[in-house]
Amino acid sequence: LRLGAVHVCGHSMGGFVAQRLAVRNASLVKSLTLVSSTTDPYRGGKCKAAVIQCCVGCCGMRRLGPSLLKGLFGPAYNRDPGRERDRALWTAHVTGLEKGLA
């Protein structure tokens, strides 16, 4: 197509593909928008999700929410002092949920 650099948006698995495009062919990407994506492959699939849901059902979000958020956001976000307020808001929201994330 010879479009030159373009704006790239990827959702979920498309976000993973968009990240690979940006890393491998940076000159083709003017901007990168990721929605519901991650840099790490999700290991464990449905079994891991079922175990987490079961634990949340037994113990509640008040106890497990902060730990789940650490895994959800990732190390860089969790270390960023500029995200302290965001982390506090998410923690307050998630620990206030009665039935979990589903």
C-alpha atoms as a PDB file:
ATOM      1  CA  LEU A   1       0.000   0.000   0.000  1.00  0.00           C
ATOM      2  CA  ARG A   2       2.972   2.318   0.576  1.00  0.00           C
ATOM      3  CA  LEU A   3       1.105   4.444   3.111  1.00  0.00           C
ATOM      4  CA  GLY A   4       4.144   5.478   5.101  1.00  0.00           C
ATOM      5  CA  ALA A   5       3.786   5.772   8.872  1.00  0.00           C
ATOM      6  CA  VAL A   6       0.227   5.176  10.111  1.00  0.00           C
ATOM      7  CA  HIS A   7      -1.720   5.278  13.372  1.00  0.00           C
ATOM      8  CA  VAL A   8      -2.057   1.704  14.654  1.00  0.00           C
ATOM      9  CA  CYS A   9      -4.707   0.548  17.127  1.00  0.00           C
ATOM     10  CA  GLY A  10      -4.868  -2.992  18.486  1.00  0.00           C
ATOM     11  CA  HIS A  11      -7.437  -4.615  20.765  1.00  0.00           C
ATOM     12  CA  SER A  12      -6.693  -7.729  22.833  1.00  0.00           C
ATOM     13  CA  MET A  13      -4.665 -10.100  20.643  1.00  0.00           C
ATOM     14  CA  GLY A  14      -4.579  -7.354  18.007  1.00  0.00           C
ATOM     15  CA  GLY A  15      -2.740  -5.255  20.590  1.00  0.00           C
ATOM     16  CA  PHE A  16      -0.068  -7.926  20.785  1.00  0.00           C
ATOM     17  CA  VAL A  17       0.217  -7.913  16.984  1.00  0.00           C
ATOM     18  CA  ALA A  18       0.360  -4.093  16.954  1.00  0.00           C
ATOM     19  CA  GLN A  19       3.184  -4.142  19.523  1.00  0.00           C
ATOM     20  CA  ARG A  20       5.181  -6.563  17.404  1.00  0.00           C
ATOM     21  CA  LEU A  21       4.647  -4.371  14.350  1.00  0.00           C
ATOM     22  CA  ALA A  22       5.846  -1.304  16.262  1.00  0.00           C
ATOM     23  CA  VAL A  23       8.941  -3.066  17.586  1.00  0.00           C
ATOM     24  CA  ARG A  24       9.902  -4.711  14.311  1.00  0.00           C
ATOM     25  CA  ASN A  25       8.950  -1.872  11.935  1.00  0.00           C
ATOM     26  CA  ALA A  26       8.967   1.337  13.975  1.00  0.00           C
ATOM     27  CA  SER A  27       9.221   3.504  10.859  1.00  0.00           C
ATOM     28  CA  LEU A  28       5.738   2.315   9.811  1.00  0.00           C
ATOM     29  CA  VAL A  29       4.047   3.389  13.064  1.00  0.00           C
ATOM     30  CA  LYS A  30       3.140   7.037  13.659  1.00  0.00           C
ATOM     31  CA  SER A  31       1.306   6.255  16.919  1.00  0.00           C
ATOM     32  CA  LEU A  32       0.324   3.114  18.795  1.00  0.00           C
ATOM     33  CA  THR A  33      -2.923   2.677  20.752  1.00  0.00           C
ATOM     34  CA  LEU A  34      -3.434  -0.507  22.775  1.00  0.00           C
ATOM     35  CA  VAL A  35      -6.812  -1.499  24.181  1.00  0.00           C
ATOM     36  CA  SER A  36      -7.242  -4.416  26.603  1.00  0.00           C
ATOM     37  CA  SER A  37      -3.806  -5.739  25.734  1.00  0.00           C
ATOM     38  CA  THR A  38      -0.643  -6.856  27.491  1.00  0.00           C
ATOM     39  CA  THR A  39       3.035  -7.317  26.725  1.00  0.00           C
ATOM     40  CA  ASP A  40       3.143 -10.717  28.405  1.00  0.00           C
ATOM     41  CA  PRO A  41       1.354 -13.805  27.104  1.00  0.00           C
ATOM     42  CA  TYR A  42      -1.382 -14.918  29.489  1.00  0.00           C
ATOM     43  CA  ARG A  43      -0.391 -18.293  30.831  1.00  0.00           C
ATOM     44  CA  GLY A  44      -2.940 -20.552  32.436  1.00  0.00           C
ATOM     45  CA  GLY A  45      -5.965 -19.870  30.281  1.00  0.00           C
ATOM     46  CA  LYS A  46      -9.446 -20.749  31.490  1.00  0.00           C
ATOM     47  CA  CYS A  47      -8.180 -22.954  34.303  1.00  0.00           C
ATOM     48  CA  LYS A  48      -6.261 -20.103  35.946  1.00  0.00           C
ATOM     49  CA  ALA A  49      -9.213 -17.738  35.495  1.00  0.00           C
ATOM     50  CA  ALA A  50     -11.547 -20.311  37.109  1.00  0.00           C
ATOM     51  CA  VAL A  51      -9.193 -20.716  40.078  1.00  0.00           C
ATOM     52  CA  ILE A  52      -8.994 -16.945  40.563  1.00  0.00           C
ATOM     53  CA  GLN A  53     -12.789 -16.638  40.348  1.00  0.00           C
ATOM     54  CA  CYS A  54     -13.204 -19.444  42.884  1.00  0.00           C
ATOM     55  CA  CYS A  55     -10.753 -17.806  45.290  1.00  0.00           C
ATOM     56  CA  VAL A  56     -12.493 -14.449  44.921  1.00  0.00           C
ATOM     57  CA  GLY A  57     -15.834 -16.162  45.562  1.00  0.00           C
ATOM     58  CA  CYS A  58     -14.522 -17.755  48.754  1.00  0.00           C
ATOM     59  CA  CYS A  59     -12.360 -14.946  50.124  1.00  0.00           C
ATOM     60  CA  GLY A  60     -13.935 -11.865  48.574  1.00  0.00           C
ATOM     61  CA  MET A  61     -12.474  -8.940  46.692  1.00  0.00           C
ATOM     62  CA  ARG A  62     -11.619  -7.068  49.858  1.00  0.00           C
ATOM     63  CA  ARG A  63      -8.883  -9.610  50.598  1.00  0.00           C
ATOM     64  CA  LEU A  64      -7.740 -10.515  47.081  1.00  0.00           C
ATOM     65  CA  GLY A  65      -8.372  -7.343  45.097  1.00  0.00           C
ATOM     66  CA  PRO A  66      -5.070  -5.564  45.826  1.00  0.00           C
ATOM     67  CA  SER A  67      -3.052  -8.639  44.827  1.00  0.00           C
ATOM     68  CA  LEU A  68      -5.072  -9.105  41.649  1.00  0.00           C
ATOM     69  CA  LEU A  69      -4.528  -5.470  40.693  1.00  0.00           C
ATOM     70  CA  LYS A  70      -0.751  -5.828  41.023  1.00  0.00           C
ATOM     71  CA  GLY A  71      -0.820  -8.610  38.455  1.00  0.00           C
ATOM     72  CA  LEU A  72      -3.289  -6.803  36.241  1.00  0.00           C
ATOM     73  CA  PHE A  73      -1.343  -3.560  35.904  1.00  0.00           C
ATOM     74  CA  GLY A  74       2.200  -4.924  35.733  1.00  0.00           C
ATOM     75  CA  PRO A  75       5.495  -3.900  37.318  1.00  0.00           C
ATOM     76  CA  ALA A  76       6.174  -0.584  35.547  1.00  0.00           C
ATOM     77  CA  TYR A  77       2.710   0.801  36.339  1.00  0.00           C
ATOM     78  CA  ASN A  78       2.929  -0.416  39.944  1.00  0.00           C
ATOM     79  CA  ARG A  79       6.322   1.269  40.473  1.00  0.00           C
ATOM     80  CA  ASP A  80       5.385   4.583  38.854  1.00  0.00           C
ATOM     81  CA  PRO A  81       4.959   7.255  41.581  1.00  0.00           C
ATOM     82  CA  GLY A  82       2.829   9.285  39.161  1.00  0.00           C
ATOM     83  CA  ARG A  83       0.233   6.483  39.175  1.00  0.00           C
ATOM     84  CA  GLU A  84      -0.204   6.401  42.959  1.00  0.00           C
ATOM     85  CA  ARG A  85      -3.585   8.145  42.823  1.00  0.00           C
ATOM     86  CA  ASP A  86      -4.829   5.836  40.046  1.00  0.00           C
ATOM     87  CA  ARG A  87      -3.746   2.762  42.006  1.00  0.00           C
ATOM     88  CA  ALA A  88      -5.535   4.025  45.114  1.00  0.00           C
ATOM     89  CA  LEU A  89      -8.748   4.675  43.155  1.00  0.00           C
ATOM     90  CA  TRP A  90      -8.678   1.219  41.529  1.00  0.00           C
ATOM     91  CA  THR A  91      -7.925  -0.469  44.848  1.00  0.00           C
ATOM     92  CA  ALA A  92     -10.828   1.326  46.527  1.00  0.00           C
ATOM     93  CA  HIS A  93     -13.145   0.387  43.665  1.00  0.00           C
ATOM     94  CA  VAL A  94     -12.129  -3.275  43.440  1.00  0.00           C
ATOM     95  CA  THR A  95     -12.128  -3.920  47.176  1.00  0.00           C
ATOM     96  CA  GLY A  96     -15.643  -2.451  47.323  1.00  0.00           C
ATOM     97  CA  LEU A  97     -17.037  -4.998  44.852  1.00  0.00           C
ATOM     98  CA  GLU A  98     -19.217  -7.629  46.466  1.00  0.00           C
ATOM     99  CA  LYS A  99     -19.068 -10.474  43.940  1.00  0.00           C
ATOM    100  CA  GLY A 100     -15.746 -10.037  42.170  1.00  0.00           C
ATOM    101  CA  LEU A 101     -14.794  -9.029  38.686  1.00  0.00           C
ATOM    102  CA  ALA A 102     -17.131 -11.256  36.664  1.00  0.00           C
END
